[in-house]
């Protein structure tokens, strides 16, 4: 079985380059927004957890602390600010 040869035109190559460039820009924008969203959720949930702690609401404090921990783990695993 002989390997297939794909002939590409200059148009196909130019299209692939433009597509890759645009895709890279869009992914950079997406990961930047994802990093900003994670930061917003972390700050909001941690402030709310501290407020719930001061008001002695243990259930709400636990849920908000869990939210902060999960978002922090996602932020480290995905690390959208680096991409």
C-alpha atoms as a PDB file:
ATOM      1  CA  UNK A   1       0.000   0.000   0.000  1.00  0.00           C
ATOM      2  CA  UNK A   2       1.640   3.227  -1.049  1.00  0.00           C
ATOM      3  CA  UNK A   3       1.239   6.453   0.933  1.00  0.00           C
ATOM      4  CA  UNK A   4      -1.265   9.019  -0.202  1.00  0.00           C
ATOM      5  CA  UNK A   5       0.001  12.281  -1.570  1.00  0.00           C
ATOM      6  CA  UNK A   6      -2.085  15.332  -0.865  1.00  0.00           C
ATOM      7  CA  UNK A   7      -1.546  18.098  -3.328  1.00  0.00           C
ATOM      8  CA  UNK A   8      -2.229  21.507  -1.906  1.00  0.00           C
ATOM      9  CA  UNK A   9      -2.617  24.716  -3.789  1.00  0.00           C
ATOM     10  CA  UNK A  10      -1.224  28.079  -2.742  1.00  0.00           C
ATOM     11  CA  UNK A  11      -4.753  29.093  -1.781  1.00  0.00           C
ATOM     12  CA  UNK A  12      -5.041  26.133   0.602  1.00  0.00           C
ATOM     13  CA  UNK A  13      -1.716  26.951   2.231  1.00  0.00           C
ATOM     14  CA  UNK A  14      -2.566  30.646   2.600  1.00  0.00           C
ATOM     15  CA  UNK A  15      -5.956  29.751   4.051  1.00  0.00           C
ATOM     16  CA  UNK A  16      -4.392  27.373   6.588  1.00  0.00           C
ATOM     17  CA  UNK A  17      -1.900  30.029   7.677  1.00  0.00           C
ATOM     18  CA  UNK A  18      -4.618  32.674   8.092  1.00  0.00           C
ATOM     19  CA  UNK A  19      -6.849  30.191   9.904  1.00  0.00           C
ATOM     20  CA  UNK A  20      -4.060  29.203  12.287  1.00  0.00           C
ATOM     21  CA  UNK A  21      -3.193  32.837  12.978  1.00  0.00           C
ATOM     22  CA  UNK A  22      -6.804  33.748  13.712  1.00  0.00           C
ATOM     23  CA  UNK A  23      -7.311  30.622  15.826  1.00  0.00           C
ATOM     24  CA  UNK A  24      -4.238  31.497  17.903  1.00  0.00           C
ATOM     25  CA  UNK A  25      -5.511  35.036  18.488  1.00  0.00           C
ATOM     26  CA  UNK A  26      -8.957  33.780  19.487  1.00  0.00           C
ATOM     27  CA  UNK A  27      -7.516  31.188  21.868  1.00  0.00           C
ATOM     28  CA  UNK A  28      -5.331  33.866  23.466  1.00  0.00           C
ATOM     29  CA  UNK A  29      -8.386  36.050  23.967  1.00  0.00           C
ATOM     30  CA  UNK A  30     -10.396  33.114  25.352  1.00  0.00           C
ATOM     31  CA  UNK A  31      -7.718  32.099  27.858  1.00  0.00           C
ATOM     32  CA  UNK A  32      -7.279  35.717  28.940  1.00  0.00           C
ATOM     33  CA  UNK A  33     -10.986  35.996  29.633  1.00  0.00           C
ATOM     34  CA  UNK A  34     -10.982  32.641  31.409  1.00  0.00           C
ATOM     35  CA  UNK A  35      -8.152  33.839  33.674  1.00  0.00           C
ATOM     36  CA  UNK A  36     -10.082  37.037  34.447  1.00  0.00           C
ATOM     37  CA  UNK A  37     -13.222  35.004  35.207  1.00  0.00           C
ATOM     38  CA  UNK A  38     -11.323  32.680  37.565  1.00  0.00           C
ATOM     39  CA  UNK A  39      -9.825  35.684  39.351  1.00  0.00           C
ATOM     40  CA  UNK A  40     -13.255  37.303  39.691  1.00  0.00           C
ATOM     41  CA  UNK A  41     -14.821  34.131  41.122  1.00  0.00           C
ATOM     42  CA  UNK A  42     -11.899  33.585  43.519  1.00  0.00           C
ATOM     43  CA  UNK A  43     -12.048  37.135  44.856  1.00  0.00           C
ATOM     44  CA  UNK A  44     -15.832  37.198  45.131  1.00  0.00           C
ATOM     45  CA  UNK A  45     -16.101  33.787  46.797  1.00  0.00           C
ATOM     46  CA  UNK A  46     -13.238  34.448  49.207  1.00  0.00           C
ATOM     47  CA  UNK A  47     -14.713  37.796  50.251  1.00  0.00           C
ATOM     48  CA  UNK A  48     -18.114  36.170  50.710  1.00  0.00           C
ATOM     49  CA  UNK A  49     -16.580  33.305  52.696  1.00  0.00           C
ATOM     50  CA  UNK A  50     -14.857  35.772  55.010  1.00  0.00           C
ATOM     51  CA  UNK A  51     -18.131  37.671  55.480  1.00  0.00           C
ATOM     52  CA  UNK A  52     -19.990  34.422  56.206  1.00  0.00           C
ATOM     53  CA  UNK A  53     -17.249  33.455  58.671  1.00  0.00           C
ATOM     54  CA  UNK A  54     -17.665  36.756  60.508  1.00  0.00           C
ATOM     55  CA  UNK A  55     -21.428  36.205  60.720  1.00  0.00           C
ATOM     56  CA  UNK A  56     -20.879  32.649  62.070  1.00  0.00           C
ATOM     57  CA  UNK A  57     -22.669  30.977  59.158  1.00  0.00           C
ATOM     58  CA  UNK A  58     -20.704  27.721  58.982  1.00  0.00           C
ATOM     59  CA  UNK A  59     -22.647  26.122  56.124  1.00  0.00           C
ATOM     60  CA  UNK A  60     -22.207  29.081  53.790  1.00  0.00           C
ATOM     61  CA  UNK A  61     -18.564  29.445  54.810  1.00  0.00           C
ATOM     62  CA  UNK A  62     -17.913  25.799  53.939  1.00  0.00           C
ATOM     63  CA  UNK A  63     -19.544  26.007  50.512  1.00  0.00           C
ATOM     64  CA  UNK A  64     -17.764  29.223  49.620  1.00  0.00           C
ATOM     65  CA  UNK A  65     -14.423  27.868  50.808  1.00  0.00           C
ATOM     66  CA  UNK A  66     -15.005  24.777  48.663  1.00  0.00           C
ATOM     67  CA  UNK A  67     -15.760  27.044  45.688  1.00  0.00           C
ATOM     68  CA  UNK A  68     -12.542  28.987  46.248  1.00  0.00           C
ATOM     69  CA  UNK A  69     -10.551  25.763  46.500  1.00  0.00           C
ATOM     70  CA  UNK A  70     -12.076  24.287  43.316  1.00  0.00           C
ATOM     71  CA  UNK A  71     -11.496  27.459  41.298  1.00  0.00           C
ATOM     72  CA  UNK A  72      -7.919  27.659  42.597  1.00  0.00           C
ATOM     73  CA  UNK A  73      -7.300  24.047  41.535  1.00  0.00           C
ATOM     74  CA  UNK A  74      -8.774  24.731  38.083  1.00  0.00           C
ATOM     75  CA  UNK A  75      -6.649  27.852  37.806  1.00  0.00           C
ATOM     76  CA  UNK A  76      -3.500  25.857  38.560  1.00  0.00           C
ATOM     77  CA  UNK A  77      -4.414  22.913  36.311  1.00  0.00           C
ATOM     78  CA  UNK A  78      -5.533  24.932  33.311  1.00  0.00           C
ATOM     79  CA  UNK A  79      -3.281  27.970  33.995  1.00  0.00           C
ATOM     80  CA  UNK A  80      -5.061  30.186  31.471  1.00  0.00           C
ATOM     81  CA  UNK A  81      -2.820  33.172  32.202  1.00  0.00           C
ATOM     82  CA  UNK A  82       0.228  31.305  30.879  1.00  0.00           C
ATOM     83  CA  UNK A  83      -1.331  30.237  27.592  1.00  0.00           C
END
